[in-house]
Amino acid sequence: MESNQPIAILNGAIITADGEYSCRTISLEECKKLIQSASEIISAVGHKATAEIITDLLEREVTLNRIDFHQEAGQQALVFKLNRRPPEGIILTRDEIEAFGYQFQLLSRNS
């Protein structure tokens, strides 16, 4: 889906507005291509270690940005998803995030 809207980067798959969504796991290479071709990105990544890992993986600056993000119809978001849930109240270090493992997903708001 082509859109002139910025690609959002999230550290969790969340539905931020009413609408129809699709979500699928994508490879790191596909993720890099989407980010490198995007004219604008908006980070809604709320944890420093996660922002650092995503920056390294995507080879594009992703800042810590604790905002209330609302995905618009037609807008895509890249989701950095941990492979397991951390204990309540724990802020993970970079090494802990690497140990948990992760994947990327493409979350699209279709309407």
N, C-alpha and C. Protein backbone atom coordinates (compact mmCIF):
# COMPACT_ATOMS: atom_id res chain seq x y z
N MET A 1 0.84 -1.18 0.00
CA MET A 1 0.00 0.00 0.00
C MET A 1 0.88 1.24 0.00
N GLU A 2 0.76 2.06 -0.98
CA GLU A 2 1.54 3.29 -1.07
C GLU A 2 0.88 4.38 -0.23
N SER A 3 1.69 5.14 0.46
CA SER A 3 1.18 6.22 1.29
C SER A 3 2.24 7.30 1.38
N ASN A 4 1.80 8.54 1.45
CA ASN A 4 2.72 9.65 1.65
C ASN A 4 2.94 9.94 3.12
N GLN A 5 2.32 9.15 3.98
CA GLN A 5 2.45 9.34 5.41
C GLN A 5 3.77 8.74 5.90
N PRO A 6 4.29 9.29 7.00
CA PRO A 6 5.53 8.73 7.53
C PRO A 6 5.30 7.30 8.02
N ILE A 7 6.33 6.49 7.92
CA ILE A 7 6.29 5.15 8.49
C ILE A 7 6.58 5.29 9.98
N ALA A 8 5.73 4.72 10.78
CA ALA A 8 5.92 4.76 12.22
C ALA A 8 6.76 3.56 12.66
N ILE A 9 7.50 3.75 13.73
CA ILE A 9 8.26 2.65 14.32
C ILE A 9 7.78 2.51 15.76
N LEU A 10 7.30 1.32 16.08
CA LEU A 10 6.70 1.04 17.38
C LEU A 10 7.47 -0.08 18.08
N ASN A 11 7.45 -0.06 19.42
CA ASN A 11 8.08 -1.17 20.14
C ASN A 11 7.01 -2.09 20.74
N GLY A 12 5.91 -2.22 20.02
CA GLY A 12 4.85 -3.15 20.36
C GLY A 12 3.73 -2.99 19.36
N ALA A 13 3.05 -4.08 19.06
CA ALA A 13 1.94 -4.05 18.11
C ALA A 13 0.69 -3.60 18.87
N ILE A 14 0.32 -2.34 18.67
CA ILE A 14 -0.84 -1.81 19.35
C ILE A 14 -1.79 -1.19 18.32
N ILE A 15 -3.06 -1.32 18.59
CA ILE A 15 -4.07 -0.71 17.75
C ILE A 15 -4.40 0.63 18.40
N THR A 16 -4.09 1.72 17.72
CA THR A 16 -4.20 3.05 18.32
C THR A 16 -5.46 3.80 17.92
N ALA A 17 -6.21 3.26 16.99
CA ALA A 17 -7.42 3.92 16.52
C ALA A 17 -8.35 2.86 15.91
N ASP A 18 -9.63 3.16 15.87
CA ASP A 18 -10.57 2.26 15.21
C ASP A 18 -10.18 2.10 13.76
N GLY A 19 -10.43 0.93 13.21
CA GLY A 19 -10.15 0.69 11.81
C GLY A 19 -9.87 -0.77 11.55
N GLU A 20 -9.56 -1.07 10.31
CA GLU A 20 -9.19 -2.42 9.92
C GLU A 20 -7.68 -2.44 9.69
N TYR A 21 -7.03 -3.45 10.25
CA TYR A 21 -5.58 -3.56 10.22
C TYR A 21 -5.16 -4.90 9.66
N SER A 22 -3.95 -4.93 9.15
CA SER A 22 -3.31 -6.21 8.82
C SER A 22 -1.92 -6.16 9.45
N CYS A 23 -1.45 -7.33 9.85
CA CYS A 23 -0.14 -7.41 10.49
C CYS A 23 0.52 -8.70 10.05
N ARG A 24 1.80 -8.58 9.65
CA ARG A 24 2.53 -9.78 9.25
C ARG A 24 3.99 -9.62 9.64
N THR A 25 4.61 -10.73 9.92
CA THR A 25 6.03 -10.75 10.23
C THR A 25 6.81 -10.52 8.95
N ILE A 26 7.85 -9.68 9.03
CA ILE A 26 8.69 -9.41 7.87
C ILE A 26 10.15 -9.63 8.25
N SER A 27 10.97 -9.85 7.23
CA SER A 27 12.39 -10.06 7.46
C SER A 27 13.09 -8.74 7.76
N LEU A 28 14.26 -8.83 8.34
CA LEU A 28 15.06 -7.63 8.59
C LEU A 28 15.37 -6.93 7.27
N GLU A 29 15.66 -7.68 6.23
CA GLU A 29 15.97 -7.08 4.93
C GLU A 29 14.78 -6.30 4.37
N GLU A 30 13.58 -6.86 4.47
CA GLU A 30 12.38 -6.16 4.01
C GLU A 30 12.16 -4.89 4.84
N CYS A 31 12.40 -5.01 6.13
CA CYS A 31 12.27 -3.88 7.03
C CYS A 31 13.24 -2.75 6.64
N LYS A 32 14.49 -3.11 6.38
CA LYS A 32 15.49 -2.13 5.97
C LYS A 32 15.09 -1.42 4.68
N LYS A 33 14.58 -2.18 3.72
CA LYS A 33 14.17 -1.58 2.44
C LYS A 33 13.05 -0.57 2.65
N LEU A 34 12.08 -0.91 3.48
CA LEU A 34 10.98 0.01 3.74
C LEU A 34 11.49 1.29 4.41
N ILE A 35 12.36 1.14 5.39
CA ILE A 35 12.87 2.30 6.12
C ILE A 35 13.77 3.15 5.23
N GLN A 36 14.63 2.51 4.45
CA GLN A 36 15.56 3.27 3.61
C GLN A 36 14.84 4.01 2.50
N SER A 37 13.69 3.50 2.06
CA SER A 37 12.95 4.18 1.00
C SER A 37 11.97 5.22 1.54
N ALA A 38 11.77 5.23 2.85
CA ALA A 38 10.81 6.18 3.45
C ALA A 38 11.41 7.58 3.50
N SER A 39 10.62 8.55 3.09
CA SER A 39 11.11 9.92 3.16
C SER A 39 11.04 10.44 4.59
N GLU A 40 10.15 9.86 5.37
CA GLU A 40 10.00 10.31 6.75
C GLU A 40 9.61 9.13 7.64
N ILE A 41 10.18 9.09 8.83
CA ILE A 41 9.77 8.12 9.83
C ILE A 41 9.38 8.87 11.09
N ILE A 42 8.53 8.25 11.87
CA ILE A 42 8.17 8.79 13.17
C ILE A 42 8.36 7.69 14.19
N SER A 43 9.18 7.96 15.17
CA SER A 43 9.45 6.98 16.21
C SER A 43 8.45 7.16 17.35
N ALA A 44 7.88 6.05 17.77
CA ALA A 44 7.08 6.01 18.99
C ALA A 44 7.68 4.94 19.90
N VAL A 45 8.99 4.81 19.85
CA VAL A 45 9.72 3.84 20.65
C VAL A 45 10.00 4.46 22.01
N GLY A 46 9.51 3.82 23.05
CA GLY A 46 9.58 4.41 24.38
C GLY A 46 10.67 3.90 25.29
N HIS A 47 11.60 3.13 24.75
CA HIS A 47 12.68 2.59 25.59
C HIS A 47 14.02 2.80 24.89
N LYS A 48 14.98 3.32 25.64
CA LYS A 48 16.28 3.69 25.07
C LYS A 48 17.00 2.50 24.44
N ALA A 49 17.10 1.38 25.15
CA ALA A 49 17.83 0.22 24.61
C ALA A 49 17.18 -0.29 23.33
N THR A 50 15.86 -0.26 23.28
CA THR A 50 15.15 -0.70 22.07
C THR A 50 15.44 0.24 20.91
N ALA A 51 15.42 1.54 21.16
CA ALA A 51 15.73 2.51 20.10
C ALA A 51 17.15 2.30 19.57
N GLU A 52 18.09 2.00 20.46
CA GLU A 52 19.48 1.77 20.04
C GLU A 52 19.60 0.53 19.17
N ILE A 53 18.95 -0.55 19.56
CA ILE A 53 19.00 -1.79 18.77
C ILE A 53 18.37 -1.57 17.39
N ILE A 54 17.21 -0.94 17.36
CA ILE A 54 16.53 -0.70 16.09
C ILE A 54 17.39 0.19 15.18
N THR A 55 18.01 1.21 15.75
CA THR A 55 18.92 2.07 14.98
C THR A 55 20.02 1.25 14.35
N ASP A 56 20.65 0.39 15.12
CA ASP A 56 21.74 -0.45 14.59
C ASP A 56 21.25 -1.40 13.51
N LEU A 57 20.11 -2.05 13.76
CA LEU A 57 19.60 -3.03 12.81
C LEU A 57 19.16 -2.40 11.49
N LEU A 58 18.51 -1.25 11.57
CA LEU A 58 17.95 -0.62 10.37
C LEU A 58 18.90 0.35 9.69
N GLU A 59 20.01 0.64 10.37
CA GLU A 59 21.01 1.56 9.83
C GLU A 59 20.39 2.92 9.52
N ARG A 60 19.48 3.35 10.38
CA ARG A 60 18.85 4.67 10.30
C ARG A 60 18.46 5.08 11.72
N GLU A 61 18.70 6.33 12.04
CA GLU A 61 18.46 6.82 13.39
C GLU A 61 16.99 6.67 13.80
N VAL A 62 16.80 5.97 14.92
CA VAL A 62 15.48 5.83 15.53
C VAL A 62 15.64 6.33 16.96
N THR A 63 14.94 7.41 17.27
CA THR A 63 15.12 8.05 18.56
C THR A 63 14.14 7.53 19.60
N LEU A 64 14.53 7.68 20.85
CA LEU A 64 13.61 7.46 21.96
C LEU A 64 12.56 8.56 21.88
N ASN A 65 11.30 8.18 21.85
CA ASN A 65 10.24 9.18 21.64
C ASN A 65 8.95 8.66 22.28
N ARG A 66 8.75 9.00 23.53
CA ARG A 66 7.56 8.53 24.26
C ARG A 66 6.39 9.45 23.93
N ILE A 67 5.68 9.09 22.85
CA ILE A 67 4.54 9.90 22.41
C ILE A 67 3.29 9.04 22.37
N ASP A 68 2.14 9.70 22.34
CA ASP A 68 0.88 9.03 22.05
C ASP A 68 0.73 9.02 20.54
N PHE A 69 0.88 7.86 19.94
CA PHE A 69 0.83 7.73 18.49
C PHE A 69 -0.54 7.24 18.07
N HIS A 70 -1.09 7.81 17.02
CA HIS A 70 -2.37 7.39 16.46
C HIS A 70 -2.17 7.11 14.97
N GLN A 71 -2.27 5.86 14.61
CA GLN A 71 -2.04 5.44 13.23
C GLN A 71 -3.21 5.86 12.35
N GLU A 72 -2.89 6.49 11.23
CA GLU A 72 -3.90 6.96 10.29
C GLU A 72 -4.22 5.88 9.26
N ALA A 73 -5.39 5.98 8.65
CA ALA A 73 -5.77 5.06 7.58
C ALA A 73 -4.74 5.16 6.46
N GLY A 74 -4.27 4.03 5.98
CA GLY A 74 -3.26 3.99 4.92
C GLY A 74 -1.83 4.05 5.43
N GLN A 75 -1.64 4.27 6.70
CA GLN A 75 -0.30 4.40 7.26
C GLN A 75 0.25 3.05 7.70
N GLN A 76 1.54 2.87 7.47
CA GLN A 76 2.23 1.65 7.88
C GLN A 76 3.07 1.92 9.12
N ALA A 77 3.23 0.87 9.91
CA ALA A 77 4.09 0.95 11.09
C ALA A 77 4.95 -0.30 11.16
N LEU A 78 6.22 -0.10 11.44
CA LEU A 78 7.11 -1.23 11.69
C LEU A 78 7.12 -1.48 13.19
N VAL A 79 6.90 -2.72 13.54
CA VAL A 79 6.79 -3.10 14.95
C VAL A 79 8.01 -3.96 15.32
N PHE A 80 8.70 -3.55 16.36
CA PHE A 80 9.78 -4.34 16.94
C PHE A 80 9.15 -5.14 18.07
N LYS A 81 9.06 -6.45 17.90
CA LYS A 81 8.33 -7.31 18.83
C LYS A 81 9.27 -8.28 19.51
N LEU A 82 9.29 -8.24 20.83
CA LEU A 82 10.08 -9.22 21.59
C LEU A 82 9.44 -10.59 21.44
N ASN A 83 10.27 -11.62 21.46
CA ASN A 83 9.77 -12.98 21.31
C ASN A 83 9.12 -13.53 22.57
N ARG A 84 9.30 -12.84 23.70
CA ARG A 84 8.59 -13.23 24.91
C ARG A 84 8.39 -11.98 25.76
N ARG A 85 7.46 -12.08 26.66
CA ARG A 85 7.09 -10.94 27.49
C ARG A 85 8.03 -10.81 28.69
N PRO A 86 8.56 -9.61 28.93
CA PRO A 86 9.43 -9.42 30.09
C PRO A 86 8.62 -9.38 31.38
N PRO A 87 9.28 -9.60 32.50
CA PRO A 87 8.58 -9.51 33.79
C PRO A 87 8.03 -8.09 34.00
N GLU A 88 6.96 -8.01 34.77
CA GLU A 88 6.31 -6.72 35.04
C GLU A 88 7.28 -5.75 35.71
N GLY A 89 7.26 -4.50 35.23
CA GLY A 89 8.04 -3.44 35.84
C GLY A 89 9.52 -3.45 35.52
N ILE A 90 9.97 -4.34 34.65
CA ILE A 90 11.38 -4.46 34.31
C ILE A 90 11.68 -3.66 33.04
N ILE A 91 12.71 -2.85 33.09
CA ILE A 91 13.20 -2.17 31.89
C ILE A 91 14.43 -2.95 31.44
N LEU A 92 14.35 -3.52 30.27
CA LEU A 92 15.40 -4.40 29.77
C LEU A 92 16.61 -3.63 29.28
N THR A 93 17.77 -4.21 29.48
CA THR A 93 19.00 -3.69 28.89
C THR A 93 19.10 -4.21 27.47
N ARG A 94 20.03 -3.68 26.75
CA ARG A 94 20.24 -4.15 25.38
C ARG A 94 20.59 -5.64 25.36
N ASP A 95 21.46 -6.07 26.25
CA ASP A 95 21.84 -7.49 26.30
C ASP A 95 20.63 -8.38 26.60
N GLU A 96 19.76 -7.92 27.48
CA GLU A 96 18.56 -8.70 27.81
C GLU A 96 17.61 -8.77 26.62
N ILE A 97 17.49 -7.67 25.88
CA ILE A 97 16.63 -7.67 24.68
C ILE A 97 17.18 -8.67 23.66
N GLU A 98 18.49 -8.65 23.47
CA GLU A 98 19.11 -9.60 22.54
C GLU A 98 18.84 -11.04 22.98
N ALA A 99 18.92 -11.30 24.30
CA ALA A 99 18.70 -12.65 24.83
C ALA A 99 17.24 -13.08 24.66
N PHE A 100 16.30 -12.16 24.78
CA PHE A 100 14.88 -12.48 24.60
C PHE A 100 14.60 -12.85 23.15
N GLY A 101 15.30 -12.20 22.23
CA GLY A 101 15.03 -12.37 20.81
C GLY A 101 13.90 -11.47 20.37
N TYR A 102 13.80 -11.23 19.09
CA TYR A 102 12.82 -10.29 18.56
C TYR A 102 12.55 -10.59 17.10
N GLN A 103 11.53 -9.93 16.60
CA GLN A 103 11.19 -10.00 15.18
C GLN A 103 10.58 -8.66 14.79
N PHE A 104 10.47 -8.43 13.51
CA PHE A 104 9.81 -7.24 13.00
C PHE A 104 8.50 -7.63 12.37
N GLN A 105 7.51 -6.76 12.52
CA GLN A 105 6.22 -6.93 11.89
C GLN A 105 5.85 -5.66 11.15
N LEU A 106 5.04 -5.80 10.13
CA LEU A 106 4.50 -4.66 9.41
C LEU A 106 3.02 -4.58 9.75
N LEU A 107 2.66 -3.48 10.43
CA LEU A 107 1.27 -3.24 10.83
C LEU A 107 0.71 -2.15 9.92
N SER A 108 -0.30 -2.48 9.15
CA SER A 108 -0.90 -1.53 8.21
C SER A 108 -2.32 -1.25 8.64
N ARG A 109 -2.66 0.02 8.69
CA ARG A 109 -4.07 0.38 8.93
C ARG A 109 -4.70 0.59 7.58
N ASN A 110 -5.63 -0.29 7.25
CA ASN A 110 -6.25 -0.31 5.93
C ASN A 110 -7.41 0.66 5.81
N SER A 111 -8.11 0.92 6.89
CA SER A 111 -9.24 1.87 6.86
C SER A 111 -9.49 2.41 8.25
